[in-house]
Amino acid sequence: MDNIEALEIKIAYLEKQNAELSELLIEADKDIAGLKKKLDALEKKVEDIIEEGGVDRPNRRPPHY
């Protein structure tokens, strides 16, 4: 195997790895966007609960007491 062929093999491998990593990055970006939406929704719910005066809980001891 000559040097040019070895370089071509390495380039092909690196191109394949680059494509796979790009796909993983796209998937991760989609996951992050979905998580941001869920976080925003949870923050909104918490703000709504706080504005409504919180959650009414009876004044009793937890079951482990």
N, C-alpha and C. Protein backbone atom coordinates (compact mmCIF):
# COMPACT_ATOMS: atom_id res chain seq x y z
N MET A 1 0.86 -1.17 0.00
CA MET A 1 0.00 0.00 0.00
C MET A 1 0.91 1.24 0.00
N ASP A 2 0.68 2.11 -0.93
CA ASP A 2 1.52 3.30 -0.98
C ASP A 2 0.93 4.40 -0.10
N ASN A 3 1.68 5.46 0.04
CA ASN A 3 1.28 6.57 0.92
C ASN A 3 -0.03 7.22 0.49
N ILE A 4 -0.24 7.36 -0.80
CA ILE A 4 -1.46 8.01 -1.28
C ILE A 4 -2.68 7.15 -0.94
N GLU A 5 -2.56 5.86 -1.14
CA GLU A 5 -3.68 4.97 -0.82
C GLU A 5 -3.98 4.99 0.69
N ALA A 6 -2.93 5.01 1.50
CA ALA A 6 -3.11 5.06 2.96
C ALA A 6 -3.82 6.34 3.35
N LEU A 7 -3.43 7.45 2.73
CA LEU A 7 -4.09 8.73 3.02
C LEU A 7 -5.55 8.71 2.58
N GLU A 8 -5.82 8.11 1.43
CA GLU A 8 -7.21 8.02 0.95
C GLU A 8 -8.07 7.21 1.92
N ILE A 9 -7.51 6.14 2.45
CA ILE A 9 -8.24 5.32 3.42
C ILE A 9 -8.52 6.12 4.69
N LYS A 10 -7.52 6.84 5.17
CA LYS A 10 -7.70 7.65 6.37
C LYS A 10 -8.74 8.75 6.15
N ILE A 11 -8.70 9.37 4.99
CA ILE A 11 -9.67 10.43 4.67
C ILE A 11 -11.08 9.85 4.62
N ALA A 12 -11.24 8.69 4.00
CA ALA A 12 -12.56 8.05 3.93
C ALA A 12 -13.08 7.74 5.33
N TYR A 13 -12.20 7.23 6.18
CA TYR A 13 -12.60 6.93 7.56
C TYR A 13 -13.01 8.21 8.29
N LEU A 14 -12.23 9.26 8.15
CA LEU A 14 -12.54 10.52 8.83
C LEU A 14 -13.83 11.14 8.30
N GLU A 15 -14.08 11.03 7.01
CA GLU A 15 -15.33 11.54 6.45
C GLU A 15 -16.53 10.78 7.02
N LYS A 16 -16.39 9.47 7.14
CA LYS A 16 -17.47 8.66 7.72
C LYS A 16 -17.70 9.05 9.17
N GLN A 17 -16.64 9.17 9.94
CA GLN A 17 -16.76 9.57 11.34
C GLN A 17 -17.40 10.95 11.47
N ASN A 18 -17.01 11.86 10.60
CA ASN A 18 -17.56 13.21 10.61
C ASN A 18 -19.06 13.19 10.35
N ALA A 19 -19.49 12.38 9.39
CA ALA A 19 -20.92 12.28 9.08
C ALA A 19 -21.69 11.69 10.27
N GLU A 20 -21.13 10.66 10.90
CA GLU A 20 -21.79 10.06 12.06
C GLU A 20 -21.89 11.05 13.22
N LEU A 21 -20.83 11.79 13.46
CA LEU A 21 -20.85 12.78 14.54
C LEU A 21 -21.83 13.91 14.24
N SER A 22 -21.94 14.28 12.98
CA SER A 22 -22.90 15.31 12.60
C SER A 22 -24.33 14.85 12.89
N GLU A 23 -24.62 13.60 12.57
CA GLU A 23 -25.95 13.04 12.86
C GLU A 23 -26.23 13.04 14.36
N LEU A 24 -25.24 12.64 15.14
CA LEU A 24 -25.41 12.63 16.59
C LEU A 24 -25.64 14.04 17.13
N LEU A 25 -24.94 15.00 16.56
CA LEU A 25 -25.10 16.39 16.98
C LEU A 25 -26.50 16.90 16.65
N ILE A 26 -27.01 16.55 15.50
CA ILE A 26 -28.37 16.95 15.11
C ILE A 26 -29.39 16.34 16.07
N GLU A 27 -29.22 15.06 16.40
CA GLU A 27 -30.13 14.40 17.35
C GLU A 27 -30.06 15.06 18.72
N ALA A 28 -28.85 15.35 19.18
CA ALA A 28 -28.69 15.98 20.48
C ALA A 28 -29.32 17.37 20.50
N ASP A 29 -29.19 18.10 19.42
CA ASP A 29 -29.79 19.43 19.33
C ASP A 29 -31.31 19.35 19.41
N LYS A 30 -31.89 18.34 18.74
CA LYS A 30 -33.34 18.14 18.81
C LYS A 30 -33.77 17.79 20.24
N ASP A 31 -33.00 16.93 20.89
CA ASP A 31 -33.30 16.56 22.28
C ASP A 31 -33.24 17.78 23.19
N ILE A 32 -32.23 18.60 23.02
CA ILE A 32 -32.08 19.80 23.84
C ILE A 32 -33.24 20.75 23.61
N ALA A 33 -33.66 20.92 22.37
CA ALA A 33 -34.79 21.80 22.07
C ALA A 33 -36.06 21.29 22.75
N GLY A 34 -36.27 19.98 22.72
CA GLY A 34 -37.44 19.40 23.38
C GLY A 34 -37.38 19.59 24.89
N LEU A 35 -36.20 19.41 25.46
CA LEU A 35 -36.05 19.60 26.90
C LEU A 35 -36.26 21.06 27.30
N LYS A 36 -35.82 21.98 26.46
CA LYS A 36 -36.04 23.41 26.74
C LYS A 36 -37.54 23.72 26.76
N LYS A 37 -38.28 23.14 25.82
CA LYS A 37 -39.73 23.36 25.79
C LYS A 37 -40.38 22.83 27.06
N LYS A 38 -39.96 21.63 27.48
CA LYS A 38 -40.52 21.05 28.70
C LYS A 38 -40.16 21.90 29.92
N LEU A 39 -38.94 22.39 29.97
CA LEU A 39 -38.51 23.23 31.08
C LEU A 39 -39.32 24.52 31.12
N ASP A 40 -39.53 25.13 29.96
CA ASP A 40 -40.34 26.35 29.89
C ASP A 40 -41.76 26.09 30.40
N ALA A 41 -42.33 24.95 30.02
CA ALA A 41 -43.68 24.61 30.47
C ALA A 41 -43.72 24.41 31.98
N LEU A 42 -42.71 23.75 32.52
CA LEU A 42 -42.65 23.55 33.97
C LEU A 42 -42.47 24.87 34.71
N GLU A 43 -41.62 25.74 34.18
CA GLU A 43 -41.44 27.06 34.80
C GLU A 43 -42.75 27.83 34.81
N LYS A 44 -43.49 27.75 33.72
CA LYS A 44 -44.79 28.43 33.64
C LYS A 44 -45.74 27.88 34.69
N LYS A 45 -45.78 26.55 34.84
CA LYS A 45 -46.66 25.94 35.83
C LYS A 45 -46.29 26.38 37.24
N VAL A 46 -44.99 26.41 37.53
CA VAL A 46 -44.54 26.84 38.86
C VAL A 46 -44.92 28.30 39.10
N GLU A 47 -44.72 29.14 38.11
CA GLU A 47 -45.10 30.55 38.24
C GLU A 47 -46.60 30.69 38.49
N ASP A 48 -47.40 29.90 37.77
CA ASP A 48 -48.86 29.94 37.96
C ASP A 48 -49.24 29.51 39.37
N ILE A 49 -48.59 28.47 39.87
CA ILE A 49 -48.88 27.99 41.22
C ILE A 49 -48.51 29.05 42.25
N ILE A 50 -47.36 29.69 42.06
CA ILE A 50 -46.92 30.73 42.99
C ILE A 50 -47.89 31.91 42.95
N GLU A 51 -48.31 32.32 41.77
CA GLU A 51 -49.25 33.44 41.64
C GLU A 51 -50.60 33.13 42.27
N GLU A 52 -50.99 31.85 42.25
CA GLU A 52 -52.27 31.45 42.84
C GLU A 52 -52.19 31.27 44.35
N GLY A 53 -51.03 31.48 44.91
CA GLY A 53 -50.89 31.37 46.35
C GLY A 53 -50.29 30.06 46.83
N GLY A 54 -49.74 29.31 45.96
CA GLY A 54 -49.08 28.07 46.34
C GLY A 54 -50.04 26.90 46.38
N VAL A 55 -49.52 25.81 46.88
CA VAL A 55 -50.29 24.57 46.97
C VAL A 55 -50.81 24.43 48.39
N ASP A 56 -52.11 24.19 48.54
CA ASP A 56 -52.68 23.97 49.86
C ASP A 56 -52.33 22.56 50.32
N ARG A 57 -51.64 22.49 51.46
CA ARG A 57 -51.31 21.20 52.03
C ARG A 57 -51.76 21.20 53.49
N PRO A 58 -52.34 20.14 53.92
CA PRO A 58 -52.75 20.09 55.33
C PRO A 58 -51.52 20.08 56.24
N ASN A 59 -51.66 20.66 57.42
CA ASN A 59 -50.56 20.69 58.38
C ASN A 59 -50.54 19.39 59.16
N ARG A 60 -49.92 18.41 58.60
CA ARG A 60 -49.80 17.13 59.27
C ARG A 60 -48.39 16.59 59.06
N ARG A 61 -48.03 15.69 59.94
CA ARG A 61 -46.69 15.11 59.87
C ARG A 61 -46.58 14.15 58.68
N PRO A 62 -45.41 14.07 58.11
CA PRO A 62 -45.19 13.08 57.05
C PRO A 62 -45.35 11.67 57.62
N PRO A 63 -45.63 10.69 56.80
CA PRO A 63 -45.90 9.34 57.28
C PRO A 63 -44.73 8.68 58.02
N HIS A 64 -43.52 9.15 57.85
CA HIS A 64 -42.39 8.49 58.50
C HIS A 64 -42.19 8.92 59.94
N TYR A 65 -43.01 9.86 60.48
CA TYR A 65 -42.88 10.28 61.87
C TYR A 65 -43.61 9.35 62.78
